[in-house]
Amino acid sequence: MLESESGEQIAEIDRKLKGLQQELLQLVNGKKEYGDVADEIHKLREQRQDVLTQDAERDARRQRIEEMRGFLEKQANESLAYDEQLVRRLVEKITVYGNRLTVEFKSGLEIDVER
């Protein structure tokens, strides 16, 4: 999800919340049933929190990728010998299949390697 899309999503949720909160006040003041409106407000608040959580996860993933990129650029002039420390720093796991490997980096990026 693009940042502008999530920002627009948050703004739309905020607009709906404001309208529902005003409706809730009117119902409470009129001593009418307000359970459905309160439930909808609760759902929108959860939805808003989910969008914010997704944004934070995306930003953290982006930061890990940038850190990995910077580290790899510094290592560009180094020898290509196996480096246990480098592998532990970059690779989350390697899954072996019959004729290929899947390397999952700590940044979340996955690469398939054919034999």
N, C-alpha and C. Protein backbone atom coordinates (compact mmCIF):
# COMPACT_ATOMS: atom_id res chain seq x y z
N MET A 1 0.85 -1.18 0.00
CA MET A 1 0.00 0.00 0.00
C MET A 1 0.89 1.24 0.00
N LEU A 2 0.56 2.18 -0.83
CA LEU A 2 1.33 3.42 -0.91
C LEU A 2 0.98 4.31 0.27
N GLU A 3 1.93 5.16 0.64
CA GLU A 3 1.71 6.05 1.77
C GLU A 3 0.50 6.95 1.57
N SER A 4 0.33 7.47 0.34
CA SER A 4 -0.80 8.36 0.09
C SER A 4 -2.12 7.62 0.22
N GLU A 5 -2.14 6.34 -0.16
CA GLU A 5 -3.36 5.55 -0.02
C GLU A 5 -3.71 5.36 1.45
N SER A 6 -2.71 5.04 2.29
CA SER A 6 -3.00 4.84 3.70
C SER A 6 -3.39 6.15 4.36
N GLY A 7 -2.78 7.26 3.92
CA GLY A 7 -3.18 8.57 4.45
C GLY A 7 -4.61 8.91 4.10
N GLU A 8 -5.00 8.58 2.86
CA GLU A 8 -6.38 8.80 2.44
C GLU A 8 -7.33 7.89 3.20
N GLN A 9 -6.90 6.65 3.46
CA GLN A 9 -7.71 5.71 4.22
C GLN A 9 -7.95 6.24 5.63
N ILE A 10 -6.89 6.71 6.27
CA ILE A 10 -7.02 7.26 7.63
C ILE A 10 -7.96 8.46 7.64
N ALA A 11 -7.81 9.34 6.66
CA ALA A 11 -8.66 10.53 6.59
C ALA A 11 -10.12 10.13 6.41
N GLU A 12 -10.39 9.14 5.57
CA GLU A 12 -11.76 8.69 5.35
C GLU A 12 -12.34 8.07 6.62
N ILE A 13 -11.54 7.27 7.31
CA ILE A 13 -11.99 6.67 8.57
C ILE A 13 -12.28 7.77 9.60
N ASP A 14 -11.40 8.76 9.67
CA ASP A 14 -11.60 9.88 10.60
C ASP A 14 -12.90 10.63 10.30
N ARG A 15 -13.18 10.84 8.99
CA ARG A 15 -14.44 11.51 8.62
C ARG A 15 -15.65 10.70 9.06
N LYS A 16 -15.60 9.40 8.84
CA LYS A 16 -16.71 8.53 9.25
C LYS A 16 -16.86 8.54 10.77
N LEU A 17 -15.73 8.47 11.47
CA LEU A 17 -15.77 8.49 12.94
C LEU A 17 -16.42 9.77 13.46
N LYS A 18 -16.03 10.89 12.87
CA LYS A 18 -16.59 12.17 13.32
C LYS A 18 -18.11 12.19 13.13
N GLY A 19 -18.56 11.73 11.95
CA GLY A 19 -20.00 11.70 11.69
C GLY A 19 -20.73 10.77 12.64
N LEU A 20 -20.16 9.60 12.89
CA LEU A 20 -20.80 8.65 13.80
C LEU A 20 -20.79 9.16 15.24
N GLN A 21 -19.74 9.85 15.64
CA GLN A 21 -19.69 10.39 16.99
C GLN A 21 -20.77 11.46 17.18
N GLN A 22 -21.00 12.27 16.15
CA GLN A 22 -22.07 13.27 16.23
C GLN A 22 -23.44 12.58 16.29
N GLU A 23 -23.59 11.53 15.48
CA GLU A 23 -24.85 10.77 15.50
C GLU A 23 -25.06 10.13 16.87
N LEU A 24 -23.99 9.60 17.45
CA LEU A 24 -24.07 8.97 18.77
C LEU A 24 -24.53 9.98 19.82
N LEU A 25 -23.97 11.18 19.77
CA LEU A 25 -24.39 12.23 20.72
C LEU A 25 -25.87 12.55 20.59
N GLN A 26 -26.33 12.64 19.35
CA GLN A 26 -27.76 12.92 19.12
C GLN A 26 -28.64 11.80 19.67
N LEU A 27 -28.22 10.57 19.46
CA LEU A 27 -29.00 9.44 19.97
C LEU A 27 -29.02 9.40 21.49
N VAL A 28 -27.85 9.65 22.10
CA VAL A 28 -27.77 9.65 23.56
C VAL A 28 -28.63 10.78 24.13
N ASN A 29 -28.52 11.98 23.55
CA ASN A 29 -29.32 13.11 24.03
C ASN A 29 -30.82 12.87 23.84
N GLY A 30 -31.18 12.15 22.79
CA GLY A 30 -32.58 11.85 22.54
C GLY A 30 -33.05 10.59 23.25
N LYS A 31 -32.17 10.01 24.05
CA LYS A 31 -32.46 8.80 24.81
C LYS A 31 -32.95 7.68 23.90
N LYS A 32 -32.27 7.56 22.75
CA LYS A 32 -32.59 6.50 21.79
C LYS A 32 -31.51 5.43 21.83
N GLU A 33 -31.80 4.28 21.24
CA GLU A 33 -30.84 3.17 21.19
C GLU A 33 -29.63 3.57 20.36
N TYR A 34 -28.45 3.39 20.91
CA TYR A 34 -27.23 3.81 20.23
C TYR A 34 -26.20 2.68 20.09
N GLY A 35 -26.58 1.46 20.43
CA GLY A 35 -25.65 0.32 20.40
C GLY A 35 -25.02 0.08 19.04
N ASP A 36 -25.83 0.16 17.98
CA ASP A 36 -25.30 -0.10 16.64
C ASP A 36 -24.26 0.96 16.24
N VAL A 37 -24.54 2.21 16.57
CA VAL A 37 -23.61 3.29 16.23
C VAL A 37 -22.32 3.13 17.03
N ALA A 38 -22.44 2.78 18.31
CA ALA A 38 -21.26 2.57 19.14
C ALA A 38 -20.41 1.41 18.60
N ASP A 39 -21.08 0.35 18.14
CA ASP A 39 -20.36 -0.79 17.56
C ASP A 39 -19.62 -0.38 16.29
N GLU A 40 -20.25 0.42 15.46
CA GLU A 40 -19.62 0.89 14.22
C GLU A 40 -18.41 1.77 14.53
N ILE A 41 -18.52 2.62 15.54
CA ILE A 41 -17.40 3.46 15.95
C ILE A 41 -16.24 2.57 16.40
N HIS A 42 -16.54 1.54 17.17
CA HIS A 42 -15.50 0.62 17.64
C HIS A 42 -14.82 -0.08 16.46
N LYS A 43 -15.59 -0.53 15.48
CA LYS A 43 -15.04 -1.19 14.29
C LYS A 43 -14.14 -0.24 13.51
N LEU A 44 -14.56 1.01 13.35
CA LEU A 44 -13.75 1.98 12.63
C LEU A 44 -12.45 2.29 13.36
N ARG A 45 -12.50 2.36 14.67
CA ARG A 45 -11.28 2.59 15.44
C ARG A 45 -10.31 1.42 15.27
N GLU A 46 -10.83 0.20 15.26
CA GLU A 46 -9.97 -0.97 15.03
C GLU A 46 -9.38 -0.94 13.63
N GLN A 47 -10.21 -0.56 12.65
CA GLN A 47 -9.75 -0.47 11.26
C GLN A 47 -8.64 0.58 11.14
N ARG A 48 -8.82 1.70 11.79
CA ARG A 48 -7.82 2.78 11.77
C ARG A 48 -6.51 2.28 12.38
N GLN A 49 -6.61 1.57 13.50
CA GLN A 49 -5.41 1.04 14.15
C GLN A 49 -4.71 0.02 13.26
N ASP A 50 -5.49 -0.80 12.55
CA ASP A 50 -4.89 -1.78 11.62
C ASP A 50 -4.10 -1.08 10.52
N VAL A 51 -4.65 -0.01 9.97
CA VAL A 51 -3.95 0.74 8.91
C VAL A 51 -2.66 1.33 9.46
N LEU A 52 -2.71 1.89 10.65
CA LEU A 52 -1.51 2.47 11.27
C LEU A 52 -0.46 1.39 11.54
N THR A 53 -0.90 0.21 11.97
CA THR A 53 0.02 -0.89 12.22
C THR A 53 0.68 -1.34 10.93
N GLN A 54 -0.10 -1.45 9.85
CA GLN A 54 0.46 -1.83 8.55
C GLN A 54 1.49 -0.80 8.09
N ASP A 55 1.20 0.47 8.30
CA ASP A 55 2.16 1.52 7.94
C ASP A 55 3.47 1.36 8.72
N ALA A 56 3.35 1.10 10.01
CA ALA A 56 4.55 0.95 10.84
C ALA A 56 5.36 -0.27 10.41
N GLU A 57 4.67 -1.36 10.09
CA GLU A 57 5.37 -2.57 9.62
C GLU A 57 6.07 -2.30 8.29
N ARG A 58 5.40 -1.61 7.38
CA ARG A 58 6.00 -1.28 6.09
C ARG A 58 7.23 -0.40 6.27
N ASP A 59 7.12 0.59 7.16
CA ASP A 59 8.26 1.48 7.41
C ASP A 59 9.44 0.72 8.02
N ALA A 60 9.15 -0.21 8.93
CA ALA A 60 10.22 -1.00 9.54
C ALA A 60 10.88 -1.90 8.50
N ARG A 61 10.08 -2.50 7.62
CA ARG A 61 10.62 -3.34 6.55
C ARG A 61 11.48 -2.52 5.61
N ARG A 62 11.01 -1.33 5.26
CA ARG A 62 11.78 -0.43 4.39
C ARG A 62 13.11 -0.05 5.03
N GLN A 63 13.09 0.21 6.33
CA GLN A 63 14.31 0.57 7.04
C GLN A 63 15.31 -0.60 7.04
N ARG A 64 14.81 -1.83 7.26
CA ARG A 64 15.70 -3.00 7.25
C ARG A 64 16.32 -3.19 5.87
N ILE A 65 15.53 -2.96 4.82
CA ILE A 65 16.06 -3.09 3.46
C ILE A 65 17.14 -2.05 3.21
N GLU A 66 16.91 -0.82 3.65
CA GLU A 66 17.91 0.24 3.48
C GLU A 66 19.18 -0.07 4.25
N GLU A 67 19.03 -0.60 5.46
CA GLU A 67 20.21 -0.98 6.24
C GLU A 67 20.99 -2.08 5.53
N MET A 68 20.26 -3.06 4.98
CA MET A 68 20.91 -4.14 4.26
C MET A 68 21.62 -3.61 3.02
N ARG A 69 20.96 -2.72 2.30
CA ARG A 69 21.56 -2.14 1.09
C ARG A 69 22.85 -1.39 1.45
N GLY A 70 22.79 -0.58 2.48
CA GLY A 70 23.97 0.17 2.90
C GLY A 70 25.10 -0.75 3.32
N PHE A 71 24.77 -1.79 4.06
CA PHE A 71 25.78 -2.74 4.49
C PHE A 71 26.41 -3.43 3.29
N LEU A 72 25.58 -3.86 2.34
CA LEU A 72 26.10 -4.56 1.16
C LEU A 72 26.96 -3.64 0.29
N GLU A 73 26.59 -2.37 0.20
CA GLU A 73 27.40 -1.43 -0.57
C GLU A 73 28.78 -1.26 0.06
N LYS A 74 28.85 -1.27 1.38
CA LYS A 74 30.14 -1.17 2.07
C LYS A 74 30.98 -2.42 1.82
N GLN A 75 30.30 -3.56 1.63
CA GLN A 75 31.00 -4.82 1.45
C GLN A 75 31.38 -5.08 -0.01
N ALA A 76 31.01 -4.20 -0.93
CA ALA A 76 31.22 -4.43 -2.36
C ALA A 76 32.68 -4.67 -2.71
N ASN A 77 33.59 -4.05 -2.02
CA ASN A 77 35.02 -4.19 -2.33
C ASN A 77 35.68 -5.30 -1.53
N GLU A 78 34.94 -5.98 -0.69
CA GLU A 78 35.48 -7.06 0.12
C GLU A 78 35.54 -8.34 -0.70
N SER A 79 36.29 -9.31 -0.22
CA SER A 79 36.39 -10.60 -0.91
C SER A 79 35.04 -11.32 -0.87
N LEU A 80 34.87 -12.27 -1.77
CA LEU A 80 33.61 -13.00 -1.87
C LEU A 80 33.62 -14.30 -1.08
N ALA A 81 34.56 -14.47 -0.18
CA ALA A 81 34.63 -15.67 0.63
C ALA A 81 33.43 -15.74 1.57
N TYR A 82 33.04 -16.95 1.92
CA TYR A 82 31.92 -17.16 2.85
C TYR A 82 32.23 -16.47 4.17
N ASP A 83 31.24 -15.76 4.67
CA ASP A 83 31.40 -15.04 5.93
C ASP A 83 30.23 -15.38 6.83
N GLU A 84 30.47 -16.20 7.83
CA GLU A 84 29.42 -16.67 8.75
C GLU A 84 28.68 -15.50 9.39
N GLN A 85 29.42 -14.50 9.80
CA GLN A 85 28.84 -13.34 10.46
C GLN A 85 27.90 -12.59 9.51
N LEU A 86 28.31 -12.45 8.27
CA LEU A 86 27.48 -11.78 7.27
C LEU A 86 26.20 -12.56 7.01
N VAL A 87 26.32 -13.86 6.89
CA VAL A 87 25.14 -14.70 6.65
C VAL A 87 24.17 -14.57 7.81
N ARG A 88 24.65 -14.66 9.01
CA ARG A 88 23.77 -14.56 10.19
C ARG A 88 23.11 -13.17 10.28
N ARG A 89 23.80 -12.18 9.81
CA ARG A 89 23.26 -10.81 9.87
C ARG A 89 22.17 -10.57 8.82
N LEU A 90 22.28 -11.21 7.66
CA LEU A 90 21.39 -10.93 6.55
C LEU A 90 20.31 -11.97 6.31
N VAL A 91 20.60 -13.24 6.55
CA VAL A 91 19.70 -14.32 6.15
C VAL A 91 18.87 -14.80 7.33
N GLU A 92 17.55 -14.83 7.12
CA GLU A 92 16.62 -15.35 8.13
C GLU A 92 16.60 -16.87 8.07
N LYS A 93 16.38 -17.42 6.84
CA LYS A 93 16.38 -18.87 6.69
C LYS A 93 16.56 -19.24 5.23
N ILE A 94 16.98 -20.48 5.02
CA ILE A 94 17.13 -21.04 3.69
C ILE A 94 16.33 -22.33 3.65
N THR A 95 15.42 -22.44 2.69
CA THR A 95 14.61 -23.63 2.53
C THR A 95 15.10 -24.38 1.31
N VAL A 96 15.38 -25.67 1.48
CA VAL A 96 15.91 -26.49 0.39
C VAL A 96 14.78 -27.34 -0.17
N TYR A 97 14.57 -27.23 -1.49
CA TYR A 97 13.61 -28.05 -2.22
C TYR A 97 14.42 -28.97 -3.13
N GLY A 98 13.77 -29.82 -3.88
CA GLY A 98 14.46 -30.78 -4.74
C GLY A 98 15.54 -30.17 -5.60
N ASN A 99 15.20 -29.19 -6.40
CA ASN A 99 16.17 -28.62 -7.34
C ASN A 99 16.34 -27.11 -7.18
N ARG A 100 15.91 -26.57 -6.04
CA ARG A 100 16.08 -25.13 -5.83
C ARG A 100 16.17 -24.82 -4.34
N LEU A 101 16.63 -23.62 -4.06
CA LEU A 101 16.71 -23.09 -2.69
C LEU A 101 15.90 -21.81 -2.64
N THR A 102 15.28 -21.55 -1.52
CA THR A 102 14.64 -20.26 -1.28
C THR A 102 15.36 -19.60 -0.12
N VAL A 103 15.96 -18.45 -0.39
CA VAL A 103 16.68 -17.71 0.64
C VAL A 103 15.76 -16.57 1.10
N GLU A 104 15.45 -16.57 2.40
CA GLU A 104 14.63 -15.50 2.97
C GLU A 104 15.53 -14.62 3.82
N PHE A 105 15.62 -13.35 3.41
CA PHE A 105 16.45 -12.40 4.14
C PHE A 105 15.67 -11.82 5.31
N LYS A 106 16.37 -11.27 6.26
CA LYS A 106 15.73 -10.69 7.43
C LYS A 106 14.86 -9.49 7.08
N SER A 107 15.09 -8.91 5.93
CA SER A 107 14.27 -7.78 5.47
C SER A 107 12.91 -8.23 4.98
N GLY A 108 12.74 -9.56 4.80
CA GLY A 108 11.48 -10.08 4.28
C GLY A 108 11.57 -10.45 2.81
N LEU A 109 12.61 -10.04 2.13
CA LEU A 109 12.82 -10.35 0.72
C LEU A 109 13.16 -11.82 0.57
N GLU A 110 12.58 -12.48 -0.45
CA GLU A 110 12.87 -13.88 -0.73
C GLU A 110 13.42 -14.01 -2.14
N ILE A 111 14.40 -14.90 -2.31
CA ILE A 111 14.99 -15.14 -3.62
C ILE A 111 15.06 -16.66 -3.83
N ASP A 112 14.60 -17.11 -4.99
CA ASP A 112 14.72 -18.52 -5.36
C ASP A 112 15.98 -18.70 -6.16
N VAL A 113 16.73 -19.75 -5.83
CA VAL A 113 17.98 -20.06 -6.53
C VAL A 113 17.83 -21.47 -7.11
N GLU A 114 17.89 -21.56 -8.45
CA GLU A 114 17.81 -22.86 -9.11
C GLU A 114 19.16 -23.53 -9.08
N ARG A 115 19.18 -24.84 -8.97
CA ARG A 115 20.44 -25.58 -8.99
C ARG A 115 20.92 -25.77 -10.40
